[in-house]
C-alpha atoms as a PDB file:
ATOM      1  CA  MET A   1       0.000   0.000   0.000  1.00  0.00           C
ATOM      2  CA  PRO A   2       1.322   3.494  -0.689  1.00  0.00           C
ATOM      3  CA  GLY A   3       1.448   4.660   2.943  1.00  0.00           C
ATOM      4  CA  VAL A   4       3.212   1.570   4.406  1.00  0.00           C
ATOM      5  CA  ALA A   5       6.756   2.201   3.135  1.00  0.00           C
ATOM      6  CA  PRO A   6       6.919   5.793   4.447  1.00  0.00           C
ATOM      7  CA  ARG A   7       5.673   4.652   7.867  1.00  0.00           C
ATOM      8  CA  ARG A   8       8.301   1.847   8.033  1.00  0.00           C
ATOM      9  CA  ALA A   9      11.029   4.268   7.011  1.00  0.00           C
ATOM     10  CA  THR A  10       9.859   6.688   9.675  1.00  0.00           C
ATOM     11  CA  ARG A  11       9.972   3.956  12.345  1.00  0.00           C
ATOM     12  CA  ARG A  12      13.475   2.878  11.271  1.00  0.00           C
ATOM     13  CA  GLY A  13      14.653   6.501  11.363  1.00  0.00           C
ATOM     14  CA  THR A  14      13.150   6.997  14.807  1.00  0.00           C
ATOM     15  CA  THR A  15      14.866   3.810  16.048  1.00  0.00           C
ATOM     16  CA  ARG A  16      18.253   5.001  14.781  1.00  0.00           C
ATOM     17  CA  VAL A  17      17.770   8.394  16.427  1.00  0.00           C
ATOM     18  CA  LEU A  18      16.837   6.787  19.750  1.00  0.00           C
ATOM     19  CA  ARG A  19      19.802   4.393  19.541  1.00  0.00           C
ATOM     20  CA  THR A  20      22.204   7.246  18.800  1.00  0.00           C
ATOM     21  CA  ALA A  21      20.765   9.292  21.656  1.00  0.00           C
ATOM     22  CA  GLY A  22      21.169   6.314  23.994  1.00  0.00           C
ATOM     23  CA  LEU A  23      24.816   5.867  23.016  1.00  0.00           C
ATOM     24  CA  LEU A  24      25.479   9.564  23.543  1.00  0.00           C
ATOM     25  CA  ALA A  25      23.807   9.474  26.956  1.00  0.00           C
ATOM     26  CA  ALA A  26      25.820   6.408  27.963  1.00  0.00           C
ATOM     27  CA  GLY A  27      29.002   8.129  26.835  1.00  0.00           C
ATOM     28  CA  LEU A  28      28.191  11.226  28.847  1.00  0.00           C
ATOM     29  CA  LEU A  29      27.450   9.151  31.933  1.00  0.00           C
ATOM     30  CA  ALA A  30      30.674   7.176  31.554  1.00  0.00           C
ATOM     31  CA  ALA A  31      32.857  10.213  30.900  1.00  0.00           C
ATOM     32  CA  PRO A  32      33.108  11.426  34.529  1.00  0.00           C
ATOM     33  CA  ALA A  33      34.101   7.945  35.720  1.00  0.00           C
ATOM     34  CA  ARG A  34      36.805   7.672  33.077  1.00  0.00           C
ATOM     35  CA  GLY A  35      38.010  11.199  33.788  1.00  0.00           C
ATOM     36  CA  ALA A  36      38.296  10.429  37.480  1.00  0.00           C
ATOM     37  CA  LEU A  37      40.912   7.766  36.717  1.00  0.00           C
ATOM     38  CA  ALA A  38      43.568  10.288  35.695  1.00  0.00           C
ATOM     39  CA  GLN A  39      44.640  13.001  38.119  1.00  0.00           C
ATOM     40  CA  PRO A  40      46.783  15.951  37.080  1.00  0.00           C
ATOM     41  CA  ASP A  41      50.357  16.111  38.314  1.00  0.00           C
ATOM     42  CA  CYS A  42      50.809  18.294  41.380  1.00  0.00           C
ATOM     43  CA  PHE A  43      53.808  20.559  42.002  1.00  0.00           C
ATOM     44  CA  PRO A  44      53.576  21.814  45.601  1.00  0.00           C
ATOM     45  CA  PRO A  45      55.755  24.717  46.800  1.00  0.00           C
ATOM     46  CA  ALA A  46      58.817  24.074  48.955  1.00  0.00           C
ATOM     47  CA  ASN A  47      57.013  25.214  52.113  1.00  0.00           C
ATOM     48  CA  SER A  48      54.030  22.873  51.617  1.00  0.00           C
ATOM     49  CA  ASN A  49      53.358  19.922  53.896  1.00  0.00           C
ATOM     50  CA  GLU A  50      53.925  17.543  50.998  1.00  0.00           C
ATOM     51  CA  ALA A  51      57.411  18.927  50.255  1.00  0.00           C
ATOM     52  CA  ARG A  52      58.405  19.086  53.926  1.00  0.00           C
ATOM     53  CA  THR A  53      57.269  15.499  54.527  1.00  0.00           C
ATOM     54  CA  MET A  54      59.176  14.121  51.532  1.00  0.00           C
ATOM     55  CA  ALA A  55      62.317  15.994  52.584  1.00  0.00           C
ATOM     56  CA  LEU A  56      62.041  14.677  56.137  1.00  0.00           C
ATOM     57  CA  VAL A  57      61.584  11.022  55.214  1.00  0.00           C
ATOM     58  CA  SER A  58      64.421  11.306  52.670  1.00  0.00           C
ATOM     59  CA  MET A  59      66.956  12.083  55.420  1.00  0.00           C
ATOM     60  CA  PRO A  60      67.604   8.469  56.523  1.00  0.00           C
ATOM     61  CA  ILE A  61      67.859   7.388  52.871  1.00  0.00           C
ATOM     62  CA  ALA A  62      70.536   9.971  51.986  1.00  0.00           C
ATOM     63  CA  PHE A  63      73.810   8.110  51.338  1.00  0.00           C
ATOM     64  CA  SER A  64      76.083   9.781  53.877  1.00  0.00           C
ATOM     65  CA  ALA A  65      79.628   8.555  54.560  1.00  0.00           C
ATOM     66  CA  LEU A  66      79.040   7.229  58.103  1.00  0.00           C
ATOM     67  CA  GLN A  67      82.796   6.857  58.643  1.00  0.00           C
ATOM     68  CA  ALA A  68      85.710   9.005  59.701  1.00  0.00           C
ATOM     69  CA  PRO A  69      87.992  10.166  56.861  1.00  0.00           C
ATOM     70  CA  GLU A  70      91.100   8.008  56.554  1.00  0.00           C
ATOM     71  CA  LEU A  71      93.642   6.817  54.031  1.00  0.00           C
ATOM     72  CA  LEU A  72      93.220   3.173  53.061  1.00  0.00           C
ATOM     73  CA  ALA A  73      95.595   0.990  51.080  1.00  0.00           C
ATOM     74  CA  PRO A  74      94.339   0.394  47.512  1.00  0.00           C
ATOM     75  CA  GLY A  75      92.333  -2.805  47.343  1.00  0.00           C
ATOM     76  CA  THR A  76      91.044  -2.564  50.918  1.00  0.00           C
ATOM     77  CA  VAL A  77      87.392  -3.636  51.179  1.00  0.00           C
ATOM     78  CA  ARG A  78      85.180  -2.491  54.053  1.00  0.00           C
ATOM     79  CA  VAL A  79      81.703  -3.973  54.616  1.00  0.00           C
ATOM     80  CA  THR A  80      79.283  -2.015  56.815  1.00  0.00           C
ATOM     81  CA  LEU A  81      75.790  -2.557  58.159  1.00  0.00           C
ATOM     82  CA  GLU A  82      74.138   0.825  58.614  1.00  0.00           C
ATOM     83  CA  THR A  83      71.001   1.598  60.615  1.00  0.00           C
ATOM     84  CA  SER A  84      69.391   5.035  60.258  1.00  0.00           C
ATOM     85  CA  GLN A  85      66.675   6.522  62.426  1.00  0.00           C
ATOM     86  CA  VAL A  86      63.466   7.452  60.593  1.00  0.00           C
ATOM     87  CA  PRO A  87      62.197  10.813  61.914  1.00  0.00           C
ATOM     88  CA  HIS A  88      58.620  11.110  63.148  1.00  0.00           C
ATOM     89  CA  VAL A  89      56.218  13.031  60.898  1.00  0.00           C
ATOM     90  CA  SER A  90      53.719  15.081  62.892  1.00  0.00           C
ATOM     91  CA  THR A  91      49.989  14.820  62.182  1.00  0.00           C
ATOM     92  CA  SER A  92      49.852  18.382  60.907  1.00  0.00           C
ATOM     93  CA  MET A  93      52.783  17.862  58.520  1.00  0.00           C
ATOM     94  CA  ALA A  94      51.364  14.552  57.278  1.00  0.00           C
ATOM     95  CA  THR A  95      48.144  16.320  56.224  1.00  0.00           C
ATOM     96  CA  ALA A  96      48.357  17.436  52.594  1.00  0.00           C
ATOM     97  CA  SER A  97      48.116  21.204  52.134  1.00  0.00           C
ATOM     98  CA  THR A  98      48.286  21.532  48.337  1.00  0.00           C
ATOM     99  CA  CYS A  99      47.742  18.374  46.279  1.00  0.00           C
ATOM    100  CA  ARG A 100      45.035  16.554  48.234  1.00  0.00           C
ATOM    101  CA  PRO A 101      43.814  19.064  50.843  1.00  0.00           C
ATOM    102  CA  GLY A 102      41.188  17.955  53.330  1.00  0.00           C
ATOM    103  CA  LYS A 103      41.945  14.252  52.888  1.00  0.00           C
ATOM    104  CA  GLY A 104      43.285  13.761  56.407  1.00  0.00           C
ATOM    105  CA  PRO A 105      46.800  12.832  57.610  1.00  0.00           C
ATOM    106  CA  GLU A 106      48.766  10.345  55.538  1.00  0.00           C
ATOM    107  CA  ASN A 107      50.196   7.161  57.038  1.00  0.00           C
ATOM    108  CA  ALA A 108      53.757   8.537  57.073  1.00  0.00           C
ATOM    109  CA  ASN A 109      55.143   6.827  60.203  1.00  0.00           C
ATOM    110  CA  LEU A 110      55.671   3.230  59.125  1.00  0.00           C
ATOM    111  CA  LEU A 111      59.205   2.375  60.280  1.00  0.00           C
ATOM    112  CA  ALA A 112      61.414   3.435  63.170  1.00  0.00           C
ATOM    113  CA  VAL A 113      64.733   2.570  61.491  1.00  0.00           C
ATOM    114  CA  ILE A 114      66.038   1.709  58.032  1.00  0.00           C
ATOM    115  CA  PRO A 115      68.887  -0.842  57.732  1.00  0.00           C
ATOM    116  CA  ARG A 116      71.244  -0.764  54.761  1.00  0.00           C
ATOM    117  CA  PRO A 117      74.262  -2.943  53.917  1.00  0.00           C
ATOM    118  CA  ARG A 118      77.084  -1.086  52.185  1.00  0.00           C
ATOM    119  CA  VAL A 119      80.564  -1.703  50.841  1.00  0.00           C
ATOM    120  CA  LEU A 120      83.612   0.522  50.272  1.00  0.00           C
ATOM    121  CA  ILE A 121      86.547  -0.308  47.994  1.00  0.00           C
ATOM    122  CA  ALA A 122      89.733   1.731  48.338  1.00  0.00           C
ATOM    123  CA  LEU A 123      91.312   2.876  45.068  1.00  0.00           C
ATOM    124  CA  PRO A 124      94.727   4.426  44.283  1.00  0.00           C
ATOM    125  CA  TYR A 125      95.486   8.118  44.909  1.00  0.00           C
ATOM    126  CA  GLY A 126      93.254   8.384  47.974  1.00  0.00           C
ATOM    127  CA  LEU A 127      90.088   7.570  46.072  1.00  0.00           C
ATOM    128  CA  ALA A 128      87.360   5.224  47.273  1.00  0.00           C
ATOM    129  CA  ALA A 129      84.147   3.911  45.673  1.00  0.00           C
ATOM    130  CA  GLU A 130      81.098   3.096  47.782  1.00  0.00           C
ATOM    131  CA  GLY A 131      77.777   1.391  47.238  1.00  0.00           C
ATOM    132  CA  GLY A 132      74.766   0.744  49.443  1.00  0.00           C
ATOM    133  CA  TRP A 133      71.508  -1.053  48.790  1.00  0.00           C
ATOM    134  CA  ILE A 134      68.164  -1.261  50.581  1.00  0.00           C
ATOM    135  CA  PRO A 135      66.810  -4.523  49.082  1.00  0.00           C
ATOM    136  CA  PRO A 136      63.104  -5.104  48.279  1.00  0.00           C
ATOM    137  CA  VAL A 137      62.312  -7.062  51.427  1.00  0.00           C
ATOM    138  CA  ARG A 138      58.878  -6.236  52.882  1.00  0.00           C
ATOM    139  CA  VAL A 139      58.930  -5.038  56.494  1.00  0.00           C
ATOM    140  CA  ASP A 140      55.681  -3.834  58.140  1.00  0.00           C
ATOM    141  CA  ASP A 141      53.951  -3.170  54.788  1.00  0.00           C
ATOM    142  CA  VAL A 142      57.020  -1.299  53.500  1.00  0.00           C
ATOM    143  CA  ARG A 143      59.076  -2.534  50.551  1.00  0.00           C
ATOM    144  CA  SER A 144      62.084  -0.612  49.230  1.00  0.00           C
ATOM    145  CA  ASN A 145      64.587  -0.870  46.438  1.00  0.00           C
ATOM    146  CA  VAL A 146      67.076   1.975  46.872  1.00  0.00           C
ATOM    147  CA  LEU A 147      70.635   2.165  45.557  1.00  0.00           C
ATOM    148  CA  GLY A 148      73.264   4.607  46.837  1.00  0.00           C
ATOM    149  CA  LEU A 149      76.612   5.255  45.131  1.00  0.00           C
ATOM    150  CA  ALA A 150      79.495   7.543  46.083  1.00  0.00           C
ATOM    151  CA  LEU A 151      83.029   8.485  45.137  1.00  0.00           C
ATOM    152  CA  SER A 152      85.369  10.097  47.672  1.00  0.00           C
ATOM    153  CA  TRP A 153      88.910  11.449  47.872  1.00  0.00           C
ATOM    154  CA  SER A 154      90.901  11.623  51.118  1.00  0.00           C
ATOM    155  CA  HIS A 155      94.111  13.515  51.825  1.00  0.00           C
ATOM    156  CA  PRO A 156      96.243  13.827  54.993  1.00  0.00           C
ATOM    157  CA  LEU A 157      96.593  17.272  56.560  1.00  0.00           C
ATOM    158  CA  THR A 158      98.844  16.118  59.403  1.00  0.00           C
ATOM    159  CA  SER A 159      99.984  12.749  60.689  1.00  0.00           C
ATOM    160  CA  ALA A 160      96.729  12.422  62.662  1.00  0.00           C
ATOM    161  CA  THR A 161      94.283  14.493  60.560  1.00  0.00           C
ATOM    162  CA  VAL A 162      92.628  13.590  57.252  1.00  0.00           C
ATOM    163  CA  VAL A 163      90.285  15.609  55.048  1.00  0.00           C
ATOM    164  CA  ARG A 164      87.755  14.018  52.690  1.00  0.00           C
ATOM    165  CA  VAL A 165      85.570  15.320  49.860  1.00  0.00           C
ATOM    166  CA  ARG A 166      82.755  13.148  48.576  1.00  0.00           C
ATOM    167  CA  ALA A 167      79.993  13.062  45.940  1.00  0.00           C
ATOM    168  CA  SER A 168      76.993  10.751  46.264  1.00  0.00           C
ATOM    169  CA  GLY A 169      73.746   9.826  44.583  1.00  0.00           C
ATOM    170  CA  THR A 170      70.625   7.931  45.630  1.00  0.00           C
ATOM    171  CA  LYS A 171      67.917   6.465  43.413  1.00  0.00           C
ATOM    172  CA  GLY A 172      65.102   3.953  43.811  1.00  0.00           C
ATOM    173  CA  TRP A 173      61.671   3.633  45.382  1.00  0.00           C
ATOM    174  CA  VAL A 174      59.866   2.985  48.652  1.00  0.00           C
ATOM    175  CA  GLU A 175      56.422   1.346  48.409  1.00  0.00           C
ATOM    176  CA  ALA A 176      53.894   1.480  51.259  1.00  0.00           C
ATOM    177  CA  PRO A 177      50.177   2.116  52.020  1.00  0.00           C
ATOM    178  CA  ILE A 178      50.755   5.795  52.775  1.00  0.00           C
ATOM    179  CA  THR A 179      47.481   7.229  51.430  1.00  0.00           C
ATOM    180  CA  CYS A 180      45.127   4.479  52.589  1.00  0.00           C
ATOM    181  CA  ASP A 181      46.301   1.859  55.066  1.00  0.00           C
ATOM    182  CA  GLU A 182      44.210  -0.953  56.536  1.00  0.00           C
ATOM    183  CA  GLU A 183      43.049   1.170  59.476  1.00  0.00           C
ATOM    184  CA  ARG A 184      41.681   3.988  57.304  1.00  0.00           C
ATOM    185  CA  LEU A 185      39.792   1.497  55.145  1.00  0.00           C
ATOM    186  CA  GLN A 186      37.577   0.873  58.193  1.00  0.00           C
ATOM    187  CA  GLU A 187      36.830   4.561  58.945  1.00  0.00           C
ATOM    188  CA  PRO A 188      33.444   5.663  57.502  1.00  0.00           C
ATOM    189  CA  GLU A 189      34.475   9.338  57.396  1.00  0.00           C
ATOM    190  CA  SER A 190      37.640   8.570  55.390  1.00  0.00           C
ATOM    191  CA  GLU A 191      37.913   8.690  51.593  1.00  0.00           C
ATOM    192  CA  CYS A 192      39.530   5.256  51.930  1.00  0.00           C
ATOM    193  CA  TYR A 193      36.427   3.630  53.449  1.00  0.00           C
ATOM    194  CA  GLN A 194      35.738   0.189  51.902  1.00  0.00           C
ATOM    195  CA  GLY A 195      38.315   0.791  49.180  1.00  0.00           C
ATOM    196  CA  THR A 196      41.520  -1.149  48.557  1.00  0.00           C
ATOM    197  CA  GLN A 197      44.750  -0.630  50.447  1.00  0.00           C
ATOM    198  CA  SER A 198      46.930   1.771  48.475  1.00  0.00           C
ATOM    199  CA  THR A 199      50.298   0.832  46.998  1.00  0.00           C
ATOM    200  CA  ASP A 200      51.872   4.295  46.910  1.00  0.00           C
ATOM    201  CA  ARG A 201      55.470   4.846  45.881  1.00  0.00           C
ATOM    202  CA  LEU A 202      58.012   7.451  46.909  1.00  0.00           C
ATOM    203  CA  HIS A 203      61.045   7.901  44.648  1.00  0.00           C
ATOM    204  CA  PRO A 204      63.654   9.680  46.851  1.00  0.00           C
ATOM    205  CA  ASN A 205      66.040  10.817  44.121  1.00  0.00           C
ATOM    206  CA  MET A 206      69.070  12.705  45.509  1.00  0.00           C
ATOM    207  CA  LEU A 207      72.471  14.084  44.554  1.00  0.00           C
ATOM    208  CA  GLY A 208      74.881  15.285  47.235  1.00  0.00           C
ATOM    209  CA  ALA A 209      78.369  16.619  47.909  1.00  0.00           C
ATOM    210  CA  ASP A 210      80.145  17.115  51.232  1.00  0.00           C
ATOM    211  CA  ALA A 211      83.510  17.618  52.896  1.00  0.00           C
ATOM    212  CA  ALA A 212      84.691  16.341  56.256  1.00  0.00           C
ATOM    213  CA  VAL A 213      87.741  16.338  58.496  1.00  0.00           C
ATOM    214  CA  GLY A 214      88.666  13.600  60.938  1.00  0.00           C
ATOM    215  CA  TRP A 215      91.452  12.989  63.402  1.00  0.00           C
ATOM    216  CA  SER A 216      92.694   9.985  65.360  1.00  0.00           C
ATOM    217  CA  THR A 217      93.195   9.720  69.115  1.00  0.00           C
ATOM    218  CA  TYR A 218      93.987   6.958  71.587  1.00  0.00           C
ATOM    219  CA  GLU A 219      96.513   5.361  69.232  1.00  0.00           C
ATOM    220  CA  GLY A 220      94.055   5.464  66.348  1.00  0.00           C
ATOM    221  CA  ARG A 221      91.288   3.586  68.132  1.00  0.00           C
ATOM    222  CA  LEU A 222      88.935   6.600  68.358  1.00  0.00           C
ATOM    223  CA  ARG A 223      88.368   8.769  65.294  1.00  0.00           C
ATOM    224  CA  PRO A 224      86.041  11.757  65.713  1.00  0.00           C
ATOM    225  CA  TYR A 225      84.953  13.604  62.568  1.00  0.00           C
ATOM    226  CA  ALA A 226      82.699  16.418  61.393  1.00  0.00           C
ATOM    227  CA  GLY A 227      81.537  17.654  58.017  1.00  0.00           C
ATOM    228  CA  ALA A 228      78.997  19.622  56.016  1.00  0.00           C
ATOM    229  CA  GLY A 229      77.463  19.405  52.568  1.00  0.00           C
ATOM    230  CA  TYR A 230      74.647  20.054  50.162  1.00  0.00           C
ATOM    231  CA  ASN A 231      71.890  17.786  48.860  1.00  0.00           C
ATOM    232  CA  HIS A 232      69.711  18.328  45.819  1.00  0.00           C
ATOM    233  CA  LEU A 233      66.453  16.395  46.244  1.00  0.00           C
ATOM    234  CA  ARG A 234      64.012  15.468  43.475  1.00  0.00           C
ATOM    235  CA  PRO A 235      61.440  13.326  45.336  1.00  0.00           C
ATOM    236  CA  ARG A 236      58.473  12.011  43.371  1.00  0.00           C
ATOM    237  CA  PHE A 237      55.375  10.547  45.031  1.00  0.00           C
ATOM    238  CA  HIS A 238      52.812   8.435  43.154  1.00  0.00           C
ATOM    239  CA  VAL A 239      49.411   7.748  44.729  1.00  0.00           C
ATOM    240  CA  ASP A 240      47.801   4.417  43.753  1.00  0.00           C
ATOM    241  CA  PHE A 241      44.427   3.948  45.448  1.00  0.00           C
ATOM    242  CA  THR A 242      41.021   2.609  44.322  1.00  0.00           C
ATOM    243  CA  ASN A 243      37.955   3.686  46.308  1.00  0.00           C
ATOM    244  CA  ARG A 244      34.771   1.706  46.978  1.00  0.00           C
ATOM    245  CA  VAL A 245      33.106   2.732  43.692  1.00  0.00           C
ATOM    246  CA  GLY A 246      36.149   1.777  41.612  1.00  0.00           C
ATOM    247  CA  THR A 247      37.565   5.247  41.023  1.00  0.00           C
ATOM    248  CA  VAL A 248      41.367   5.295  40.919  1.00  0.00           C
ATOM    249  CA  ASP A 249      43.441   8.076  42.452  1.00  0.00           C
ATOM    250  CA  ASN A 250      46.830   8.139  40.728  1.00  0.00           C
ATOM    251  CA  THR A 251      47.944  11.646  41.656  1.00  0.00           C
ATOM    252  CA  ARG A 252      51.635  12.321  41.078  1.00  0.00           C
ATOM    253  CA  VAL A 253      53.417  14.774  43.362  1.00  0.00           C
ATOM    254  CA  SER A 254      56.727  16.283  42.214  1.00  0.00           C
ATOM    255  CA  VAL A 255      58.983  18.730  44.005  1.00  0.00           C
ATOM    256  CA  ASN A 256      62.625  19.867  43.765  1.00  0.00           C
ATOM    257  CA  LEU A 257      64.389  20.863  46.970  1.00  0.00           C
ATOM    258  CA  ASN A 258      67.852  21.924  48.141  1.00  0.00           C
ATOM    259  CA  ARG A 259      69.196  21.196  51.605  1.00  0.00           C
ATOM    260  CA  PHE A 260      72.357  22.155  53.473  1.00  0.00           C
ATOM    261  CA  VAL A 261      73.383  19.375  55.850  1.00  0.00           C
ATOM    262  CA  ALA A 262      75.922  18.909  58.619  1.00  0.00           C
ATOM    263  CA  TYR A 263      77.071  15.834  60.485  1.00  0.00           C
ATOM    264  CA  ALA A 264      79.403  14.785  63.279  1.00  0.00           C
ATOM    265  CA  GLY A 265      80.349  11.455  64.772  1.00  0.00           C
ATOM    266  CA  ALA A 266      83.097   9.113  65.838  1.00  0.00           C
ATOM    267  CA  ASP A 267      84.126   5.562  65.134  1.00  0.00           C
ATOM    268  CA  TRP A 268      85.609   3.328  67.800  1.00  0.00           C
ATOM    269  CA  ARG A 269      87.894   0.459  66.800  1.00  0.00           C
ATOM    270  CA  PRO A 270      88.082  -2.219  69.479  1.00  0.00           C
ATOM    271  CA  LEU A 271      89.855  -4.430  66.934  1.00  0.00           C
ATOM    272  CA  ARG A 272      92.017  -3.453  64.002  1.00  0.00           C
ATOM    273  CA  SER A 273      89.510  -4.729  61.444  1.00  0.00           C
ATOM    274  CA  VAL A 274      86.274  -3.842  63.298  1.00  0.00           C
ATOM    275  CA  ALA A 275      84.761  -0.396  63.823  1.00  0.00           C
ATOM    276  CA  VAL A 276      81.585   0.847  65.493  1.00  0.00           C
ATOM    277  CA  VAL A 277      80.478   4.296  64.353  1.00  0.00           C
ATOM    278  CA  GLY A 278      77.758   6.668  65.535  1.00  0.00           C
ATOM    279  CA  GLU A 279      76.725   9.822  63.715  1.00  0.00           C
ATOM    280  CA  ALA A 280      74.308  12.732  64.115  1.00  0.00           C
ATOM    281  CA  TYR A 281      73.050  13.918  60.717  1.00  0.00           C
ATOM    282  CA  ALA A 282      71.249  17.255  60.535  1.00  0.00           C
ATOM    283  CA  SER A 283      69.390  19.409  58.037  1.00  0.00           C
ATOM    284  CA  ALA A 284      68.624  22.959  59.150  1.00  0.00           C
ATOM    285  CA  SER A 285      65.253  22.789  57.385  1.00  0.00           C
ATOM    286  CA  ASP A 286      64.173  19.366  58.640  1.00  0.00           C
ATOM    287  CA  GLY A 287      65.819  18.198  61.861  1.00  0.00           C
ATOM    288  CA  VAL A 288      68.385  15.733  63.212  1.00  0.00           C
ATOM    289  CA  ILE A 289      68.575  11.952  62.963  1.00  0.00           C
ATOM    290  CA  ALA A 290      70.978   9.354  64.344  1.00  0.00           C
ATOM    291  CA  ARG A 291      72.900   6.750  62.359  1.00  0.00           C
ATOM    292  CA  LEU A 292      74.741   3.711  63.668  1.00  0.00           C
ATOM    293  CA  GLY A 293      77.078   1.425  61.783  1.00  0.00           C
ATOM    294  CA  VAL A 294      79.259  -1.620  62.337  1.00  0.00           C
ATOM    295  CA  SER A 295      81.991  -2.252  59.781  1.00  0.00           C
ATOM    296  CA  TYR A 296      84.525  -4.964  59.071  1.00  0.00           C
ATOM    297  CA  VAL A 297      87.626  -4.691  56.899  1.00  0.00           C
ATOM    298  CA  VAL A 298      87.741  -7.767  54.693  1.00  0.00           C
ATOM    299  CA  ARG A 299      91.241  -7.153  53.318  1.00  0.00           C
END
């Protein structure tokens, strides 16, 4: 019949319009969820809580010398086990002020100390190469993989006094539930409530240079020393958290900082090949921490 074909065409056209409208509506509804998956990078100022926290927790990871300056015969190998105090982050400092304001204090106090094995190899002309590694062994929800390298040069000033200049670098990552730990997942007022425990990562990238002077007393058994230096910090923090509705927070926090540091300590040598060393390591902007080391000369 003449009117049937136009009516069928009209119905087909209407169906296509409705289908297109439905796809557009679904796309609009899905767009906010997809957009919530990607967070913009955040660059907080140096005086922000984020920057101050990253600088503070980077202190025990900085690859300081932890030994009095001395001249070693080329080929000498010294193995040391270092333990560094992790400074406490206050509740106010652990609360983000720029990148994620109003989210509550982060879980920044996870460890009391950080152990690190290290080795020094003496080279000709007063040079020495050092390496230290925090291996990826999980301790209290914290897993790290941090490498420290250094090159130093020592020179005698007198028969009992030695000066040392040293350059160092640190690179790697520390992974922990900093944004949302197990406790915050149970708090109804927290953004973490009923979500998944976060696997955040801090990359404490550092370059440093310092100079120190040391002297020997008590027939060389006690060697006090003191020094000062400069660290350039480029810490990067990556949030990785999924909330209860499946939205992912992957905010990246980047900051560049400069720190003047000073340190003083002494190593005691009860045996010729064994030394116990204690050191106070300070940053005027952040605070003071303690380091302790036990070393053994292999050859």
